């Protein structure tokens, strides 16, 4: 099981920079990078709420479940 964070897709749709997004959400650009690159171990609901508010989207637009076997091409 793997949860993939799709922040980059939503940022691209809105032509919003990581820096602008980070400032509006209240995160550092480094922490946004951790989320984007799949290195985050957890996300607070308050952070997810802020990300959805800023991007005007639903949590499912940002998070996707991917089966590890499918991702590996098995």
N, C-alpha and C. Protein backbone atom coordinates (compact mmCIF):
# COMPACT_ATOMS: atom_id res chain seq x y z
N UNK A 1 0.85 -1.19 0.00
CA UNK A 1 0.00 0.00 0.00
C UNK A 1 0.88 1.24 0.00
N UNK A 2 0.41 2.22 -0.75
CA UNK A 2 1.17 3.47 -0.82
C UNK A 2 0.19 4.62 -1.04
N UNK A 3 0.37 5.68 -0.30
CA UNK A 3 -0.42 6.88 -0.49
C UNK A 3 0.46 7.88 -1.23
N UNK A 4 -0.03 8.35 -2.37
CA UNK A 4 0.72 9.31 -3.19
C UNK A 4 0.08 10.68 -3.01
N UNK A 5 0.91 11.68 -2.78
CA UNK A 5 0.45 13.06 -2.61
C UNK A 5 0.56 13.76 -3.96
N UNK A 6 -0.55 14.34 -4.40
CA UNK A 6 -0.63 14.96 -5.73
C UNK A 6 -0.68 16.49 -5.66
N UNK A 7 0.09 17.06 -4.76
CA UNK A 7 0.10 18.52 -4.64
C UNK A 7 0.58 19.16 -5.94
N UNK A 8 1.58 18.57 -6.56
CA UNK A 8 2.14 19.16 -7.78
C UNK A 8 1.10 19.31 -8.88
N UNK A 9 0.19 18.34 -9.00
CA UNK A 9 -0.85 18.40 -10.02
C UNK A 9 -1.78 19.58 -9.74
N UNK A 10 -2.19 19.72 -8.48
CA UNK A 10 -3.12 20.80 -8.12
C UNK A 10 -2.44 22.17 -8.24
N UNK A 11 -1.16 22.25 -7.90
CA UNK A 11 -0.44 23.52 -8.05
C UNK A 11 -0.34 23.90 -9.53
N UNK A 12 -0.05 22.92 -10.38
CA UNK A 12 0.07 23.19 -11.80
C UNK A 12 -1.25 23.68 -12.39
N UNK A 13 -2.36 23.06 -11.96
CA UNK A 13 -3.68 23.48 -12.46
C UNK A 13 -3.95 24.95 -12.15
N UNK A 14 -3.42 25.40 -11.01
CA UNK A 14 -3.69 26.77 -10.56
C UNK A 14 -2.55 27.72 -10.88
N UNK A 15 -1.50 27.19 -11.51
CA UNK A 15 -0.30 28.00 -11.82
C UNK A 15 0.22 28.70 -10.55
N UNK A 16 0.26 27.94 -9.45
CA UNK A 16 0.70 28.46 -8.16
C UNK A 16 2.08 27.88 -7.85
N UNK A 17 2.98 28.72 -7.37
CA UNK A 17 4.32 28.26 -7.02
C UNK A 17 4.31 27.57 -5.66
N UNK A 18 5.32 26.76 -5.44
CA UNK A 18 5.47 26.09 -4.15
C UNK A 18 5.61 27.12 -3.04
N UNK A 19 6.37 28.18 -3.30
CA UNK A 19 6.58 29.21 -2.29
C UNK A 19 5.28 29.91 -1.90
N UNK A 20 4.48 30.26 -2.89
CA UNK A 20 3.20 30.91 -2.63
C UNK A 20 2.28 29.97 -1.86
N UNK A 21 2.22 28.70 -2.30
CA UNK A 21 1.40 27.70 -1.63
C UNK A 21 1.84 27.52 -0.18
N UNK A 22 3.14 27.37 0.03
CA UNK A 22 3.68 27.17 1.38
C UNK A 22 3.30 28.33 2.29
N UNK A 23 3.43 29.53 1.79
CA UNK A 23 3.10 30.71 2.60
C UNK A 23 1.62 30.74 2.97
N UNK A 24 0.76 30.46 2.00
CA UNK A 24 -0.68 30.50 2.25
C UNK A 24 -1.15 29.40 3.20
N UNK A 25 -0.48 28.24 3.14
CA UNK A 25 -0.85 27.11 3.99
C UNK A 25 -0.23 27.23 5.38
N UNK A 26 0.93 27.89 5.44
CA UNK A 26 1.62 28.00 6.73
C UNK A 26 2.68 26.93 6.92
N UNK A 27 3.24 26.46 5.81
CA UNK A 27 4.32 25.48 5.85
C UNK A 27 5.58 26.10 5.27
N UNK A 28 6.70 25.49 5.54
CA UNK A 28 7.94 25.91 4.88
C UNK A 28 7.98 25.25 3.50
N UNK A 29 8.66 25.87 2.54
CA UNK A 29 8.81 25.22 1.24
C UNK A 29 9.47 23.84 1.36
N UNK A 30 10.36 23.68 2.33
CA UNK A 30 11.00 22.38 2.54
C UNK A 30 9.98 21.32 2.95
N UNK A 31 9.02 21.70 3.80
CA UNK A 31 8.00 20.74 4.21
C UNK A 31 7.04 20.42 3.07
N UNK A 32 6.78 21.37 2.21
CA UNK A 32 5.96 21.09 1.02
C UNK A 32 6.71 20.10 0.14
N UNK A 33 8.00 20.26 0.00
CA UNK A 33 8.81 19.34 -0.79
C UNK A 33 8.76 17.93 -0.22
N UNK A 34 8.80 17.81 1.11
CA UNK A 34 8.70 16.50 1.76
C UNK A 34 7.37 15.84 1.39
N UNK A 35 6.29 16.60 1.42
CA UNK A 35 4.98 16.07 1.04
C UNK A 35 4.96 15.68 -0.44
N UNK A 36 5.44 16.57 -1.31
CA UNK A 36 5.42 16.32 -2.75
C UNK A 36 6.23 15.10 -3.14
N UNK A 37 7.34 14.89 -2.47
CA UNK A 37 8.25 13.81 -2.83
C UNK A 37 7.93 12.48 -2.16
N UNK A 38 6.84 12.44 -1.41
CA UNK A 38 6.41 11.19 -0.79
C UNK A 38 7.23 10.75 0.41
N UNK A 39 7.93 11.67 1.03
CA UNK A 39 8.75 11.31 2.19
C UNK A 39 8.04 11.57 3.51
N UNK A 40 6.84 12.14 3.47
CA UNK A 40 6.10 12.44 4.70
C UNK A 40 5.55 11.14 5.29
N UNK A 41 5.62 11.01 6.58
CA UNK A 41 5.09 9.84 7.28
C UNK A 41 3.67 10.09 7.75
N UNK A 42 3.27 11.35 7.87
CA UNK A 42 1.93 11.70 8.35
C UNK A 42 1.61 13.12 7.91
N UNK A 43 0.30 13.41 7.88
CA UNK A 43 -0.17 14.76 7.59
C UNK A 43 -1.26 15.07 8.61
N UNK A 44 -1.13 16.19 9.29
CA UNK A 44 -2.16 16.59 10.24
C UNK A 44 -3.41 16.99 9.48
N UNK A 45 -4.57 16.71 10.08
CA UNK A 45 -5.82 17.11 9.46
C UNK A 45 -5.90 18.62 9.31
N UNK A 46 -5.33 19.35 10.25
CA UNK A 46 -5.36 20.81 10.13
C UNK A 46 -4.53 21.28 8.92
N UNK A 47 -3.44 20.58 8.61
CA UNK A 47 -2.63 20.90 7.44
C UNK A 47 -3.38 20.51 6.17
N UNK A 48 -4.01 19.34 6.17
CA UNK A 48 -4.80 18.91 5.01
C UNK A 48 -5.95 19.88 4.78
N UNK A 49 -6.58 20.33 5.85
CA UNK A 49 -7.66 21.31 5.76
C UNK A 49 -7.15 22.59 5.10
N UNK A 50 -6.00 23.08 5.54
CA UNK A 50 -5.43 24.31 4.99
C UNK A 50 -5.07 24.14 3.52
N UNK A 51 -4.50 22.99 3.16
CA UNK A 51 -4.14 22.74 1.77
C UNK A 51 -5.39 22.73 0.89
N UNK A 52 -6.46 22.08 1.35
CA UNK A 52 -7.70 22.03 0.58
C UNK A 52 -8.34 23.41 0.47
N UNK A 53 -8.27 24.19 1.54
CA UNK A 53 -8.83 25.55 1.53
C UNK A 53 -8.09 26.41 0.50
N UNK A 54 -6.77 26.37 0.53
CA UNK A 54 -5.96 27.19 -0.38
C UNK A 54 -6.15 26.76 -1.84
N UNK A 55 -6.21 25.45 -2.06
CA UNK A 55 -6.31 24.94 -3.43
C UNK A 55 -7.77 24.78 -3.89
N UNK A 56 -8.71 25.04 -2.97
CA UNK A 56 -10.13 24.88 -3.28
C UNK A 56 -10.40 23.51 -3.89
N UNK A 57 -10.00 22.47 -3.15
CA UNK A 57 -10.16 21.11 -3.63
C UNK A 57 -10.58 20.20 -2.47
N UNK A 58 -10.78 18.95 -2.77
CA UNK A 58 -11.13 17.94 -1.79
C UNK A 58 -9.87 17.14 -1.42
N UNK A 59 -9.86 16.50 -0.22
CA UNK A 59 -8.70 15.70 0.15
C UNK A 59 -8.35 14.62 -0.89
N UNK A 60 -9.37 14.06 -1.52
CA UNK A 60 -9.13 13.04 -2.55
C UNK A 60 -8.42 13.57 -3.78
N UNK A 61 -8.45 14.89 -3.97
CA UNK A 61 -7.70 15.49 -5.08
C UNK A 61 -6.21 15.53 -4.77
N UNK A 62 -5.86 15.48 -3.49
CA UNK A 62 -4.47 15.59 -3.06
C UNK A 62 -3.83 14.25 -2.71
N UNK A 63 -4.66 13.30 -2.28
CA UNK A 63 -4.16 12.01 -1.82
C UNK A 63 -4.73 10.89 -2.67
N UNK A 64 -3.87 9.95 -3.07
CA UNK A 64 -4.31 8.82 -3.88
C UNK A 64 -3.70 7.54 -3.34
N UNK A 65 -4.52 6.51 -3.20
CA UNK A 65 -4.03 5.19 -2.80
C UNK A 65 -3.55 4.45 -4.04
N UNK A 66 -2.34 3.91 -3.98
CA UNK A 66 -1.79 3.12 -5.08
C UNK A 66 -1.28 1.82 -4.50
N UNK A 67 -1.74 0.71 -5.05
CA UNK A 67 -1.27 -0.60 -4.60
C UNK A 67 0.22 -0.72 -4.94
N UNK A 68 1.02 -1.14 -3.99
CA UNK A 68 2.48 -1.22 -4.18
C UNK A 68 2.84 -2.16 -5.33
N UNK A 69 2.10 -3.26 -5.49
CA UNK A 69 2.38 -4.21 -6.57
C UNK A 69 2.10 -3.58 -7.92
N UNK A 70 0.99 -2.83 -8.02
CA UNK A 70 0.65 -2.16 -9.27
C UNK A 70 1.71 -1.12 -9.62
N UNK A 71 2.15 -0.38 -8.62
CA UNK A 71 3.15 0.67 -8.85
C UNK A 71 4.46 0.06 -9.35
N UNK A 72 4.79 -1.12 -8.83
CA UNK A 72 6.04 -1.79 -9.23
C UNK A 72 5.90 -2.48 -10.58
N UNK A 73 4.67 -2.53 -11.11
CA UNK A 73 4.46 -3.14 -12.40
C UNK A 73 4.32 -4.65 -12.34
N UNK A 74 3.96 -5.17 -11.16
CA UNK A 74 3.80 -6.63 -11.02
C UNK A 74 2.42 -7.08 -11.40
